[in-house]
N, C-alpha and C. Protein backbone atom coordinates (compact mmCIF):
# COMPACT_ATOMS: atom_id res chain seq x y z
N UNK A 1 -57.97 52.86 39.47
CA UNK A 1 -56.63 52.37 38.81
C UNK A 1 -55.64 52.94 39.60
N UNK A 2 -54.50 52.13 40.04
CA UNK A 2 -53.62 52.49 40.85
C UNK A 2 -52.59 53.18 40.15
N UNK A 3 -51.60 53.94 40.92
CA UNK A 3 -50.55 54.67 40.31
C UNK A 3 -49.70 53.69 39.51
N UNK A 4 -49.28 52.45 40.01
CA UNK A 4 -48.52 51.67 39.20
C UNK A 4 -49.19 51.11 37.87
N UNK A 5 -50.49 50.99 37.97
CA UNK A 5 -51.14 50.61 36.54
C UNK A 5 -51.03 51.71 35.57
N UNK A 6 -51.06 53.05 36.33
CA UNK A 6 -51.14 54.19 35.30
C UNK A 6 -49.63 54.35 34.81
N UNK A 7 -48.61 54.15 35.62
CA UNK A 7 -47.29 54.27 35.12
C UNK A 7 -47.13 53.15 34.06
N UNK A 8 -47.51 51.93 34.25
CA UNK A 8 -47.29 50.85 33.18
C UNK A 8 -48.10 51.30 31.75
N UNK A 9 -49.19 52.01 31.96
CA UNK A 9 -50.07 52.26 30.77
C UNK A 9 -49.01 53.34 30.05
N UNK A 10 -48.52 54.27 30.84
CA UNK A 10 -47.65 55.20 30.10
C UNK A 10 -46.36 54.45 29.55
N UNK A 11 -45.97 53.62 30.22
CA UNK A 11 -44.77 52.91 29.58
C UNK A 11 -44.98 52.18 28.39
N UNK A 12 -46.26 51.69 28.24
CA UNK A 12 -46.95 50.94 27.10
C UNK A 12 -47.01 51.95 25.91
N UNK A 13 -47.34 53.11 26.19
CA UNK A 13 -47.43 54.26 25.10
C UNK A 13 -46.16 54.67 24.53
N UNK A 14 -45.17 54.60 25.51
CA UNK A 14 -43.75 55.07 25.10
C UNK A 14 -42.98 53.97 24.44
N UNK A 15 -43.26 52.78 24.79
CA UNK A 15 -42.43 51.72 24.22
C UNK A 15 -42.78 51.39 22.79
N UNK A 16 -41.55 51.56 22.08
CA UNK A 16 -41.75 51.17 20.56
C UNK A 16 -42.58 49.83 20.19
N UNK A 17 -43.21 49.81 19.12
CA UNK A 17 -44.08 48.71 18.87
C UNK A 17 -43.46 47.49 18.89
N UNK A 18 -41.97 47.36 18.57
CA UNK A 18 -41.41 46.08 18.60
C UNK A 18 -41.26 45.35 19.74
N UNK A 19 -41.41 46.38 20.93
CA UNK A 19 -41.23 45.74 22.34
C UNK A 19 -42.66 45.68 22.98
N UNK A 20 -43.68 45.89 22.32
CA UNK A 20 -44.95 45.74 22.76
C UNK A 20 -45.36 44.41 23.57
N UNK A 21 -44.91 43.35 22.93
CA UNK A 21 -45.16 42.08 23.78
C UNK A 21 -44.56 42.09 25.21
N UNK A 22 -43.35 42.74 25.35
CA UNK A 22 -42.72 42.77 26.44
C UNK A 22 -43.29 43.48 27.64
N UNK A 23 -43.76 44.63 27.20
CA UNK A 23 -44.48 45.69 28.18
C UNK A 23 -45.88 44.89 28.55
N UNK A 24 -46.60 44.21 27.38
CA UNK A 24 -47.80 43.52 27.68
C UNK A 24 -47.45 42.46 29.01
N UNK A 25 -46.46 41.74 28.88
CA UNK A 25 -46.04 40.86 29.84
C UNK A 25 -45.91 41.29 31.14
N UNK A 26 -45.18 42.42 31.19
CA UNK A 26 -45.02 43.12 32.46
C UNK A 26 -46.26 43.68 33.11
N UNK A 27 -47.30 44.21 32.24
CA UNK A 27 -48.50 44.53 32.75
C UNK A 27 -49.25 43.29 33.43
N UNK A 28 -49.10 42.18 32.82
CA UNK A 28 -49.83 41.05 33.28
C UNK A 28 -49.23 40.59 34.61
N UNK A 29 -47.95 40.90 34.82
CA UNK A 29 -47.26 40.52 36.01
C UNK A 29 -47.44 41.20 37.31
N UNK A 30 -48.18 42.63 37.03
CA UNK A 30 -48.28 43.57 38.01
C UNK A 30 -49.34 43.08 39.04
N UNK A 31 -50.45 42.53 38.67
CA UNK A 31 -51.45 42.12 39.71
C UNK A 31 -50.97 41.26 40.72
N UNK A 32 -49.80 40.38 40.41
CA UNK A 32 -49.33 39.30 41.32
C UNK A 32 -48.36 39.95 42.36
N UNK A 33 -48.10 41.37 42.32
CA UNK A 33 -47.41 42.14 43.38
C UNK A 33 -48.41 42.69 44.36
N UNK A 34 -48.34 42.30 45.46
CA UNK A 34 -49.33 42.74 46.53
C UNK A 34 -48.96 43.92 47.20
N UNK A 35 -47.63 44.01 47.39
CA UNK A 35 -47.11 45.20 48.18
C UNK A 35 -47.07 46.44 47.34
N UNK A 36 -47.77 47.52 47.74
CA UNK A 36 -47.93 48.69 46.88
C UNK A 36 -46.57 49.32 46.50
N UNK A 37 -45.60 49.33 47.51
CA UNK A 37 -44.31 50.04 47.12
C UNK A 37 -43.52 49.14 46.12
N UNK A 38 -43.62 47.93 46.29
CA UNK A 38 -42.91 46.88 45.14
C UNK A 38 -43.62 47.08 43.85
N UNK A 39 -44.87 47.28 43.93
CA UNK A 39 -45.69 47.42 42.64
C UNK A 39 -45.18 48.72 42.00
N UNK A 40 -45.04 49.74 42.79
CA UNK A 40 -44.69 51.06 42.23
C UNK A 40 -43.31 51.13 41.66
N UNK A 41 -42.34 50.47 42.55
CA UNK A 41 -40.95 50.33 42.00
C UNK A 41 -40.98 49.56 40.73
N UNK A 42 -41.62 48.48 40.76
CA UNK A 42 -41.78 47.50 39.42
C UNK A 42 -42.18 48.33 38.18
N UNK A 43 -43.26 49.11 38.40
CA UNK A 43 -43.84 50.06 37.20
C UNK A 43 -42.90 51.12 36.84
N UNK A 44 -42.06 51.70 37.89
CA UNK A 44 -41.22 52.66 37.57
C UNK A 44 -40.05 52.14 36.71
N UNK A 45 -39.75 50.79 37.07
CA UNK A 45 -38.62 50.20 36.18
C UNK A 45 -39.02 49.99 34.78
N UNK A 46 -40.42 49.66 34.60
CA UNK A 46 -40.96 49.50 33.31
C UNK A 46 -40.87 50.90 32.63
N UNK A 47 -41.20 51.92 33.24
CA UNK A 47 -41.07 53.11 32.35
C UNK A 47 -39.79 53.58 31.96
N UNK A 48 -38.82 53.30 33.05
CA UNK A 48 -37.37 53.76 32.58
C UNK A 48 -36.82 52.67 31.56
N UNK A 49 -37.26 51.58 31.37
CA UNK A 49 -36.96 50.73 30.30
C UNK A 49 -37.48 51.28 28.91
N UNK A 50 -38.97 51.70 29.24
CA UNK A 50 -39.64 52.05 28.00
C UNK A 50 -38.92 53.29 27.32
N UNK A 51 -38.48 54.16 28.19
CA UNK A 51 -37.74 55.39 27.75
C UNK A 51 -36.46 55.14 27.14
N UNK A 52 -35.86 54.24 27.83
CA UNK A 52 -34.37 53.61 27.34
C UNK A 52 -34.44 53.17 25.87
N UNK A 53 -35.60 52.39 25.60
CA UNK A 53 -35.76 51.88 24.35
C UNK A 53 -36.19 52.85 23.35
N UNK A 54 -36.97 53.78 23.73
CA UNK A 54 -37.34 54.91 22.72
C UNK A 54 -36.26 55.79 22.52
N UNK A 55 -35.32 56.07 23.41
CA UNK A 55 -34.37 57.04 23.09
C UNK A 55 -32.86 56.57 23.13
N UNK A 56 -32.66 55.14 22.64
CA UNK A 56 -31.42 54.52 22.62
C UNK A 56 -30.59 55.18 21.75
N UNK A 57 -29.14 55.08 22.13
CA UNK A 57 -28.18 55.61 21.27
C UNK A 57 -28.31 55.39 19.60
N UNK A 58 -28.49 54.03 19.43
CA UNK A 58 -28.61 53.63 18.13
C UNK A 58 -29.74 54.15 17.32
N UNK A 59 -30.90 54.21 18.01
CA UNK A 59 -32.09 54.98 17.51
C UNK A 59 -32.00 56.30 17.14
N UNK A 60 -31.20 56.97 18.00
CA UNK A 60 -30.93 58.45 17.96
C UNK A 60 -30.04 58.71 16.78
N UNK A 61 -29.01 57.81 16.58
CA UNK A 61 -28.08 57.93 15.35
C UNK A 61 -28.70 57.78 14.14
N UNK A 62 -29.59 56.71 14.00
CA UNK A 62 -30.25 56.30 12.91
C UNK A 62 -31.27 57.63 12.50
N UNK A 63 -31.92 58.22 13.57
CA UNK A 63 -32.84 59.17 13.30
C UNK A 63 -32.12 60.34 12.79
N UNK A 64 -30.92 60.66 13.43
CA UNK A 64 -30.19 62.04 12.99
C UNK A 64 -29.60 61.94 11.64
N UNK A 65 -29.25 60.55 11.24
CA UNK A 65 -28.69 60.19 10.04
C UNK A 65 -29.78 60.34 8.95
N UNK A 66 -31.01 59.84 9.29
CA UNK A 66 -32.20 59.90 8.29
C UNK A 66 -32.49 61.42 8.06
N UNK A 67 -32.54 62.19 9.12
CA UNK A 67 -33.06 63.49 8.92
C UNK A 67 -32.00 64.51 8.19
N UNK A 68 -30.81 64.18 8.51
CA UNK A 68 -29.70 64.80 7.85
C UNK A 68 -29.57 64.56 6.25
N UNK A 69 -29.81 63.36 6.00
CA UNK A 69 -29.84 62.78 4.50
C UNK A 69 -31.06 63.50 4.04
N UNK A 70 -32.26 63.54 4.68
CA UNK A 70 -33.39 64.01 4.17
C UNK A 70 -33.23 65.66 3.77
N UNK A 71 -32.64 66.22 4.79
CA UNK A 71 -32.23 67.73 4.58
C UNK A 71 -31.45 68.03 3.30
N UNK A 72 -30.39 67.15 3.21
CA UNK A 72 -29.65 67.33 1.89
C UNK A 72 -30.33 66.99 0.68
N UNK A 73 -31.30 66.13 0.67
CA UNK A 73 -32.04 65.77 -0.32
C UNK A 73 -33.15 66.82 -0.81
N UNK A 74 -33.69 67.40 0.22
CA UNK A 74 -34.66 68.44 0.04
C UNK A 74 -33.96 69.75 -0.64
N UNK A 75 -32.73 70.00 -0.27
CA UNK A 75 -32.08 70.93 -1.02
C UNK A 75 -31.78 70.73 -2.19
N UNK A 76 -31.41 69.39 -2.65
CA UNK A 76 -31.19 69.00 -3.89
C UNK A 76 -32.45 69.12 -4.77
N UNK A 77 -33.57 68.72 -4.31
CA UNK A 77 -34.72 68.96 -4.82
C UNK A 77 -35.24 70.40 -5.18
N UNK A 78 -34.67 71.35 -4.20
CA UNK A 78 -35.10 72.84 -4.47
C UNK A 78 -34.20 73.34 -5.71
N UNK A 79 -32.94 72.96 -5.86
CA UNK A 79 -32.11 73.11 -6.75
C UNK A 79 -32.63 72.81 -8.13
N UNK A 80 -33.28 71.54 -8.04
CA UNK A 80 -33.93 71.17 -9.36
C UNK A 80 -35.04 71.86 -9.82
N UNK A 81 -35.86 72.19 -8.60
CA UNK A 81 -37.09 72.74 -9.00
C UNK A 81 -36.92 74.38 -9.54
N UNK A 82 -35.63 74.78 -9.00
CA UNK A 82 -35.34 76.19 -9.19
C UNK A 82 -34.92 76.51 -10.66
N UNK A 83 -34.43 75.51 -11.46
CA UNK A 83 -33.98 75.82 -12.83
C UNK A 83 -35.27 76.18 -13.63
N UNK A 84 -36.47 75.31 -13.73
CA UNK A 84 -37.37 75.84 -14.34
C UNK A 84 -38.30 77.00 -13.95
N UNK A 85 -38.19 77.18 -12.56
CA UNK A 85 -38.78 78.56 -12.07
C UNK A 85 -37.81 79.73 -12.45
N UNK A 86 -36.66 79.61 -12.49
CA UNK A 86 -35.61 80.66 -12.91
C UNK A 86 -36.13 80.95 -14.58
N UNK A 87 -36.03 80.04 -15.33
CA UNK A 87 -36.25 80.07 -16.72
C UNK A 87 -37.68 80.85 -16.98
N UNK A 88 -38.69 80.43 -16.10
CA UNK A 88 -39.85 81.12 -16.34
C UNK A 88 -39.88 82.55 -15.97
N UNK A 89 -39.24 82.88 -14.86
CA UNK A 89 -39.05 84.14 -14.37
C UNK A 89 -38.32 85.05 -15.38
N UNK A 90 -37.28 84.55 -16.10
CA UNK A 90 -36.73 85.22 -17.17
C UNK A 90 -37.60 85.59 -18.43
N UNK A 91 -38.27 84.48 -18.71
CA UNK A 91 -39.27 84.42 -19.80
C UNK A 91 -40.23 85.63 -19.56
N UNK A 92 -40.91 85.49 -18.43
CA UNK A 92 -41.83 86.52 -18.12
C UNK A 92 -41.52 87.94 -18.05
N UNK A 93 -40.15 88.20 -17.46
CA UNK A 93 -39.69 89.45 -17.41
C UNK A 93 -39.21 89.95 -18.87
N UNK A 94 -38.87 89.19 -19.70
CA UNK A 94 -38.57 89.66 -21.14
C UNK A 94 -39.76 90.03 -21.86
N UNK A 95 -40.83 89.19 -21.65
CA UNK A 95 -42.17 89.53 -22.27
C UNK A 95 -42.69 90.65 -21.75
N UNK A 96 -42.62 90.99 -20.39
CA UNK A 96 -43.35 92.17 -19.87
C UNK A 96 -42.43 93.52 -20.08
N UNK A 97 -41.18 93.34 -19.76
CA UNK A 97 -40.34 94.50 -19.98
C UNK A 97 -39.36 94.62 -20.88
N UNK A 98 -39.41 93.75 -21.78
CA UNK A 98 -38.20 93.82 -22.88
C UNK A 98 -37.02 93.79 -22.52
N UNK A 99 -36.04 94.48 -23.08
CA UNK A 99 -34.56 94.56 -22.74
C UNK A 99 -34.25 95.50 -21.65
N UNK A 100 -35.40 96.10 -21.29
CA UNK A 100 -35.07 97.14 -20.15
C UNK A 100 -35.28 96.47 -18.60
N UNK A 101 -35.82 95.38 -18.53
CA UNK A 101 -35.95 94.60 -17.40
C UNK A 101 -34.71 94.07 -16.98
N UNK A 102 -34.66 93.29 -15.67
CA UNK A 102 -33.52 92.67 -15.22
C UNK A 102 -32.90 91.56 -16.13
N UNK A 103 -33.87 90.92 -16.61
CA UNK A 103 -33.50 89.61 -17.55
C UNK A 103 -32.78 90.09 -18.76
N UNK A 104 -33.16 91.37 -19.27
CA UNK A 104 -32.78 91.84 -20.48
C UNK A 104 -31.34 92.42 -20.44
N UNK A 105 -30.84 92.58 -19.19
CA UNK A 105 -29.53 92.97 -19.12
C UNK A 105 -28.38 91.95 -19.28
N UNK A 106 -28.88 90.60 -19.23
CA UNK A 106 -28.08 89.42 -19.21
C UNK A 106 -27.04 89.76 -20.44
N UNK A 107 -25.84 89.30 -20.20
CA UNK A 107 -24.54 89.30 -21.17
C UNK A 107 -25.03 88.60 -22.50
N UNK A 108 -25.79 87.51 -22.36
CA UNK A 108 -26.22 86.62 -23.37
C UNK A 108 -27.07 87.30 -24.53
N UNK A 109 -27.75 88.35 -24.02
CA UNK A 109 -28.58 89.11 -24.79
C UNK A 109 -28.06 90.38 -25.65
N UNK A 110 -26.73 90.52 -25.26
CA UNK A 110 -26.13 91.85 -25.69
C UNK A 110 -26.10 91.84 -27.29
N UNK A 111 -26.62 92.82 -27.96
CA UNK A 111 -26.75 92.99 -29.27
C UNK A 111 -27.89 92.29 -29.98
N UNK A 112 -28.93 91.86 -29.12
CA UNK A 112 -30.09 91.17 -29.83
C UNK A 112 -31.27 91.93 -29.27
N UNK A 113 -32.31 91.68 -30.30
CA UNK A 113 -33.46 92.28 -29.84
C UNK A 113 -34.31 91.39 -28.97
N UNK A 114 -35.55 91.92 -28.41
CA UNK A 114 -36.41 91.25 -27.51
C UNK A 114 -36.99 90.05 -28.40
N UNK A 115 -37.30 90.28 -29.69
CA UNK A 115 -37.76 89.13 -30.43
C UNK A 115 -36.77 87.98 -30.56
N UNK A 116 -35.58 88.36 -30.80
CA UNK A 116 -34.46 87.37 -30.99
C UNK A 116 -34.20 86.50 -29.63
N UNK A 117 -34.43 87.23 -28.44
CA UNK A 117 -34.17 86.63 -27.19
C UNK A 117 -35.26 85.70 -26.83
N UNK A 118 -36.58 86.15 -27.14
CA UNK A 118 -37.59 85.31 -26.85
C UNK A 118 -37.55 84.09 -27.88
N UNK A 119 -37.16 84.25 -29.15
CA UNK A 119 -37.17 83.14 -30.14
C UNK A 119 -36.15 82.09 -29.30
N UNK A 120 -34.90 82.52 -28.77
CA UNK A 120 -34.07 81.56 -28.36
C UNK A 120 -34.63 80.85 -27.04
N UNK A 121 -35.18 81.60 -26.18
CA UNK A 121 -35.84 80.91 -25.08
C UNK A 121 -36.87 79.78 -25.53
N UNK A 122 -37.43 80.15 -26.63
CA UNK A 122 -38.53 79.43 -27.24
C UNK A 122 -38.05 78.12 -27.69
N UNK A 123 -36.78 77.98 -27.74
CA UNK A 123 -36.17 76.62 -28.11
C UNK A 123 -36.00 75.68 -26.95
N UNK A 124 -36.30 76.11 -25.91
CA UNK A 124 -36.27 75.26 -24.53
C UNK A 124 -37.42 74.10 -24.81
N UNK A 125 -37.02 73.02 -24.69
CA UNK A 125 -38.06 71.91 -24.65
C UNK A 125 -38.92 72.01 -23.42
N UNK A 126 -40.19 71.85 -23.56
CA UNK A 126 -41.07 71.64 -22.41
C UNK A 126 -40.74 70.50 -21.60
N UNK A 127 -40.37 69.40 -22.37
CA UNK A 127 -40.21 68.09 -21.59
C UNK A 127 -38.95 68.17 -20.66
N UNK A 128 -38.02 69.16 -21.18
CA UNK A 128 -36.84 69.21 -20.35
C UNK A 128 -37.28 69.90 -19.03
N UNK A 129 -38.00 71.15 -19.06
CA UNK A 129 -38.57 71.61 -17.83
C UNK A 129 -39.25 70.75 -17.12
N UNK A 130 -40.05 70.00 -17.40
CA UNK A 130 -40.92 68.91 -17.02
C UNK A 130 -40.05 67.92 -16.11
N UNK A 131 -39.01 67.55 -16.84
CA UNK A 131 -38.05 66.47 -16.27
C UNK A 131 -37.59 66.93 -15.06
N UNK A 132 -37.15 68.15 -14.92
CA UNK A 132 -36.56 68.92 -13.79
C UNK A 132 -37.41 68.80 -12.55
N UNK A 133 -38.67 69.27 -12.97
CA UNK A 133 -39.76 69.12 -11.88
C UNK A 133 -40.21 67.78 -11.42
N UNK A 134 -40.21 66.75 -12.42
CA UNK A 134 -40.31 65.55 -11.95
C UNK A 134 -39.14 64.98 -11.09
N UNK A 135 -37.93 65.33 -11.47
CA UNK A 135 -36.71 65.00 -10.53
C UNK A 135 -36.87 65.78 -9.18
N UNK A 136 -37.33 66.97 -9.02
CA UNK A 136 -37.54 67.61 -7.81
C UNK A 136 -38.55 66.83 -6.96
N UNK A 137 -39.53 66.42 -7.66
CA UNK A 137 -40.68 65.66 -6.86
C UNK A 137 -40.20 64.46 -6.48
N UNK A 138 -39.28 63.51 -7.19
CA UNK A 138 -38.75 62.35 -6.84
C UNK A 138 -37.99 62.67 -5.63
N UNK A 139 -37.05 63.64 -5.70
CA UNK A 139 -36.07 63.81 -4.55
C UNK A 139 -37.03 64.23 -3.21
N UNK A 140 -37.89 65.07 -3.37
CA UNK A 140 -38.85 65.48 -2.47
C UNK A 140 -39.43 64.21 -1.72
N UNK A 141 -39.92 63.32 -2.58
CA UNK A 141 -40.65 62.17 -2.07
C UNK A 141 -39.70 61.35 -1.43
N UNK A 142 -38.24 61.08 -1.89
CA UNK A 142 -37.39 60.42 -1.12
C UNK A 142 -37.00 61.04 0.18
N UNK A 143 -36.97 62.50 0.17
CA UNK A 143 -36.84 62.91 1.43
C UNK A 143 -37.87 62.85 2.40
N UNK A 144 -39.05 62.94 2.09
CA UNK A 144 -40.22 62.53 2.86
C UNK A 144 -40.27 61.09 3.35
N UNK A 145 -39.89 60.30 2.46
CA UNK A 145 -39.74 58.69 2.89
C UNK A 145 -38.67 58.47 3.94
N UNK A 146 -37.57 59.31 3.83
CA UNK A 146 -36.54 59.01 4.90
C UNK A 146 -36.95 59.73 6.00
N UNK A 147 -37.46 60.95 6.02
CA UNK A 147 -37.82 61.15 7.33
C UNK A 147 -38.85 60.51 8.15
N UNK A 148 -39.89 59.97 7.33
CA UNK A 148 -40.95 59.32 7.89
C UNK A 148 -40.59 57.61 8.17
N UNK A 149 -39.44 57.53 7.34
CA UNK A 149 -38.80 56.16 7.30
C UNK A 149 -39.88 55.17 6.60
N UNK A 150 -40.03 55.20 5.48
CA UNK A 150 -40.80 54.18 4.59
C UNK A 150 -39.92 53.87 3.50
N UNK A 151 -39.15 52.58 3.87
CA UNK A 151 -38.12 52.07 2.85
C UNK A 151 -38.75 51.75 1.38
N UNK A 152 -39.97 51.18 1.24
CA UNK A 152 -40.61 50.80 0.14
C UNK A 152 -40.79 52.23 -0.88
N UNK A 153 -41.40 53.04 -0.12
CA UNK A 153 -41.78 54.48 -0.88
C UNK A 153 -40.29 55.07 -1.15
N UNK A 154 -39.34 55.01 -0.33
CA UNK A 154 -38.02 55.55 -0.69
C UNK A 154 -37.43 54.91 -1.88
N UNK A 155 -37.47 53.65 -1.84
CA UNK A 155 -36.77 53.02 -3.31
C UNK A 155 -37.66 53.39 -4.50
N UNK A 156 -38.89 53.40 -4.27
CA UNK A 156 -39.90 53.79 -5.42
C UNK A 156 -39.47 55.18 -5.89
N UNK A 157 -39.26 56.05 -4.91
CA UNK A 157 -38.96 57.37 -5.33
C UNK A 157 -37.54 57.56 -6.13
N UNK A 158 -36.51 56.74 -5.57
CA UNK A 158 -35.11 56.61 -6.23
C UNK A 158 -35.33 56.04 -7.56
N UNK A 159 -35.98 54.97 -7.79
CA UNK A 159 -36.18 54.33 -9.04
C UNK A 159 -36.98 55.41 -10.12
N UNK A 160 -37.89 55.97 -9.62
CA UNK A 160 -38.54 56.92 -10.43
C UNK A 160 -37.74 58.07 -10.86
N UNK A 161 -37.10 58.50 -9.91
CA UNK A 161 -36.02 59.78 -10.26
C UNK A 161 -35.03 59.34 -11.21
N UNK A 162 -34.36 58.27 -10.93
CA UNK A 162 -33.25 57.69 -11.87
C UNK A 162 -33.83 57.34 -13.27
N UNK A 163 -35.04 56.83 -13.29
CA UNK A 163 -35.61 56.71 -14.80
C UNK A 163 -35.99 58.04 -15.48
N UNK A 164 -36.42 59.07 -14.70
CA UNK A 164 -36.64 60.18 -15.33
C UNK A 164 -35.32 60.89 -15.83
N UNK A 165 -34.19 60.55 -14.97
CA UNK A 165 -32.85 61.27 -15.35
C UNK A 165 -32.33 60.79 -16.55
N UNK A 166 -32.45 59.44 -16.70
CA UNK A 166 -32.00 58.61 -17.84
C UNK A 166 -32.73 59.02 -19.12
N UNK A 167 -34.08 59.14 -18.95
CA UNK A 167 -34.93 59.60 -20.06
C UNK A 167 -34.65 60.89 -20.69
N UNK A 168 -34.38 61.86 -19.59
CA UNK A 168 -34.01 63.18 -19.86
C UNK A 168 -32.73 63.33 -20.68
N UNK A 169 -31.70 62.56 -20.18
CA UNK A 169 -30.25 62.56 -20.97
C UNK A 169 -30.47 61.94 -22.33
N UNK A 170 -31.13 60.89 -22.30
CA UNK A 170 -31.30 60.36 -23.65
C UNK A 170 -31.76 61.16 -24.78
N UNK A 171 -33.12 61.76 -24.31
CA UNK A 171 -33.70 62.97 -25.15
C UNK A 171 -32.88 64.02 -25.39
N UNK A 172 -31.92 64.56 -24.61
CA UNK A 172 -31.15 65.52 -24.80
C UNK A 172 -30.05 65.29 -25.82
N UNK A 173 -29.53 64.23 -25.77
CA UNK A 173 -28.45 63.51 -26.47
C UNK A 173 -29.02 63.44 -28.05
N UNK A 174 -30.33 63.14 -28.12
CA UNK A 174 -30.82 62.93 -29.42
C UNK A 174 -31.12 64.32 -30.01
N UNK A 175 -31.61 65.32 -29.14
CA UNK A 175 -31.93 66.69 -29.84
C UNK A 175 -30.67 67.53 -29.57
N UNK A 176 -29.53 67.29 -29.08
CA UNK A 176 -28.47 68.35 -28.86
C UNK A 176 -27.89 68.79 -30.34
N UNK A 177 -27.45 70.05 -30.54
CA UNK A 177 -27.42 70.84 -29.45
C UNK A 177 -28.64 71.88 -29.34
N UNK A 178 -28.99 72.31 -28.21
CA UNK A 178 -30.02 73.31 -27.89
C UNK A 178 -29.45 74.27 -26.98
N UNK A 179 -29.80 75.59 -27.31
CA UNK A 179 -29.17 76.67 -26.40
C UNK A 179 -29.38 76.68 -25.02
N UNK A 180 -30.62 76.43 -24.63
CA UNK A 180 -31.07 76.76 -23.28
C UNK A 180 -31.47 75.32 -22.50
N UNK A 181 -30.61 74.62 -22.32
CA UNK A 181 -30.77 73.20 -21.60
C UNK A 181 -29.55 73.01 -20.79
N UNK A 182 -29.72 72.07 -19.67
CA UNK A 182 -28.62 71.66 -19.01
C UNK A 182 -27.91 70.61 -19.85
N UNK A 183 -26.52 70.76 -19.93
CA UNK A 183 -25.68 69.79 -20.77
C UNK A 183 -26.03 68.30 -20.34
N UNK A 184 -26.11 67.37 -21.19
CA UNK A 184 -26.21 66.14 -20.81
C UNK A 184 -25.11 65.41 -20.07
N UNK A 185 -23.99 66.00 -20.14
CA UNK A 185 -22.79 65.49 -19.47
C UNK A 185 -22.86 65.79 -17.89
N UNK A 186 -23.70 66.40 -17.54
CA UNK A 186 -23.81 66.78 -16.06
C UNK A 186 -24.71 65.89 -15.40
N UNK A 187 -25.33 65.02 -16.25
CA UNK A 187 -26.36 64.33 -15.46
C UNK A 187 -25.87 62.99 -14.64
N UNK A 188 -24.56 62.92 -14.79
CA UNK A 188 -23.95 61.84 -13.84
C UNK A 188 -24.24 62.29 -12.29
N UNK A 189 -24.17 63.53 -11.92
CA UNK A 189 -24.53 64.10 -10.74
C UNK A 189 -25.88 63.37 -10.15
N UNK A 190 -26.82 63.54 -11.11
CA UNK A 190 -28.12 62.95 -10.78
C UNK A 190 -28.06 61.35 -10.31
N UNK A 191 -27.32 60.91 -11.16
CA UNK A 191 -27.08 59.44 -10.98
C UNK A 191 -26.29 58.96 -9.64
N UNK A 192 -25.36 59.88 -9.35
CA UNK A 192 -24.68 59.61 -7.96
C UNK A 192 -25.55 59.94 -6.86
N UNK A 193 -26.47 61.05 -7.03
CA UNK A 193 -27.33 61.36 -6.05
C UNK A 193 -28.14 60.26 -5.72
N UNK A 194 -28.88 59.78 -6.77
CA UNK A 194 -29.85 58.65 -6.57
C UNK A 194 -29.09 57.31 -6.01
N UNK A 195 -27.90 57.12 -6.50
CA UNK A 195 -27.10 55.99 -6.04
C UNK A 195 -26.84 56.03 -4.60
N UNK A 196 -26.40 57.26 -4.09
CA UNK A 196 -26.06 57.50 -2.78
C UNK A 196 -27.24 57.22 -1.89
N UNK A 197 -28.43 57.90 -2.33
CA UNK A 197 -29.65 57.61 -1.60
C UNK A 197 -30.16 56.18 -1.42
N UNK A 198 -29.85 55.37 -2.57
CA UNK A 198 -30.11 53.92 -2.33
C UNK A 198 -29.29 53.33 -1.32
N UNK A 199 -27.95 53.63 -1.36
CA UNK A 199 -26.92 53.06 -0.41
C UNK A 199 -27.27 53.46 0.92
N UNK A 200 -27.69 54.67 1.08
CA UNK A 200 -28.03 55.10 2.49
C UNK A 200 -29.24 54.63 3.05
N UNK A 201 -30.38 54.45 2.26
CA UNK A 201 -31.45 53.74 2.67
C UNK A 201 -31.35 52.25 2.71
N UNK A 202 -30.56 51.54 2.20
CA UNK A 202 -30.04 50.20 2.41
C UNK A 202 -29.41 50.05 3.63
N UNK A 203 -28.41 50.88 3.89
CA UNK A 203 -27.51 50.72 5.11
C UNK A 203 -28.64 51.13 6.34
N UNK A 204 -29.41 51.98 6.25
CA UNK A 204 -30.45 52.24 7.42
C UNK A 204 -31.28 51.25 7.64
N UNK A 205 -31.73 50.49 6.57
CA UNK A 205 -32.83 49.41 6.67
C UNK A 205 -32.07 48.33 7.23
N UNK A 206 -30.73 48.04 6.92
CA UNK A 206 -29.91 46.87 7.57
C UNK A 206 -29.58 46.96 9.05
N UNK A 207 -29.28 48.34 9.42
CA UNK A 207 -29.02 48.63 10.80
C UNK A 207 -30.34 48.51 11.56
N UNK A 208 -31.52 48.96 11.08
CA UNK A 208 -32.56 48.94 11.88
C UNK A 208 -33.00 47.46 12.13
N UNK A 209 -32.88 46.55 10.97
CA UNK A 209 -33.14 45.19 11.34
C UNK A 209 -32.22 44.50 12.33
N UNK A 210 -31.02 45.05 12.20
CA UNK A 210 -29.94 44.45 13.22
C UNK A 210 -30.41 44.69 14.50
N UNK A 211 -30.83 45.86 14.80
CA UNK A 211 -31.27 46.57 16.11
C UNK A 211 -32.32 45.85 16.40
N UNK A 212 -33.32 45.42 15.68
CA UNK A 212 -34.56 44.96 16.07
C UNK A 212 -34.51 43.30 16.32
N UNK A 213 -33.57 42.69 15.67
CA UNK A 213 -33.35 41.18 15.94
C UNK A 213 -33.13 40.82 17.44
N UNK A 214 -32.16 41.60 18.10
CA UNK A 214 -31.91 41.32 19.59
C UNK A 214 -33.17 41.47 20.27
N UNK A 215 -33.91 42.52 19.97
CA UNK A 215 -35.16 43.06 20.73
C UNK A 215 -36.08 41.82 20.54
N UNK A 216 -36.26 41.26 19.49
CA UNK A 216 -37.27 40.15 19.30
C UNK A 216 -36.73 38.88 20.16
N UNK A 217 -35.42 38.56 20.07
CA UNK A 217 -34.93 37.48 20.92
C UNK A 217 -35.20 37.60 22.23
N UNK A 218 -34.99 38.89 22.82
CA UNK A 218 -35.37 39.30 24.27
C UNK A 218 -36.66 39.08 24.54
N UNK A 219 -37.68 39.43 23.76
CA UNK A 219 -39.05 39.34 23.94
C UNK A 219 -39.53 37.80 23.98
């Protein structure tokens, strides 16, 4: 195998799948070039084109945008998962160490016994904690779908998270007041988060298609 052929094989590996037909056409033209130097220059041109396609400015912008939104989404998922984790840590510390532990020194327990504190914490609905874990999972799935760029899974994760947020808020409003839950009026933040994720995903999808159409026309 000649050096020019090896270079075009490398170009084919680097070239994005949407331009695969173009690189295959270039490879088919190579045998018609009899001069070794011309063939090498031709192959080098194919390699340069492949790298330009792979690291084009628009592609980099879309990649950086997706990864940035994914990072913010992961941070939001961690915040949602932290609430049930913190609640469990307080519950365990009260049970093991009573009012002498770090959780027993909270201002809300002042003047209360361990039994009273545990009783109040027992009013926390398990479905409320489960809802926060489901929201964290939906946000994590959305972040992963953004990073790997899977629009269908992204929209599925957004729809699932929004449905959990609505169900959680409705359940809270029906059972309110409860002492140890997140107030229903703050759930608009989750709705905004999922709406922004949907808008960002739609914009990235539209820009990706817009960028791909000229490439298909060139091919």
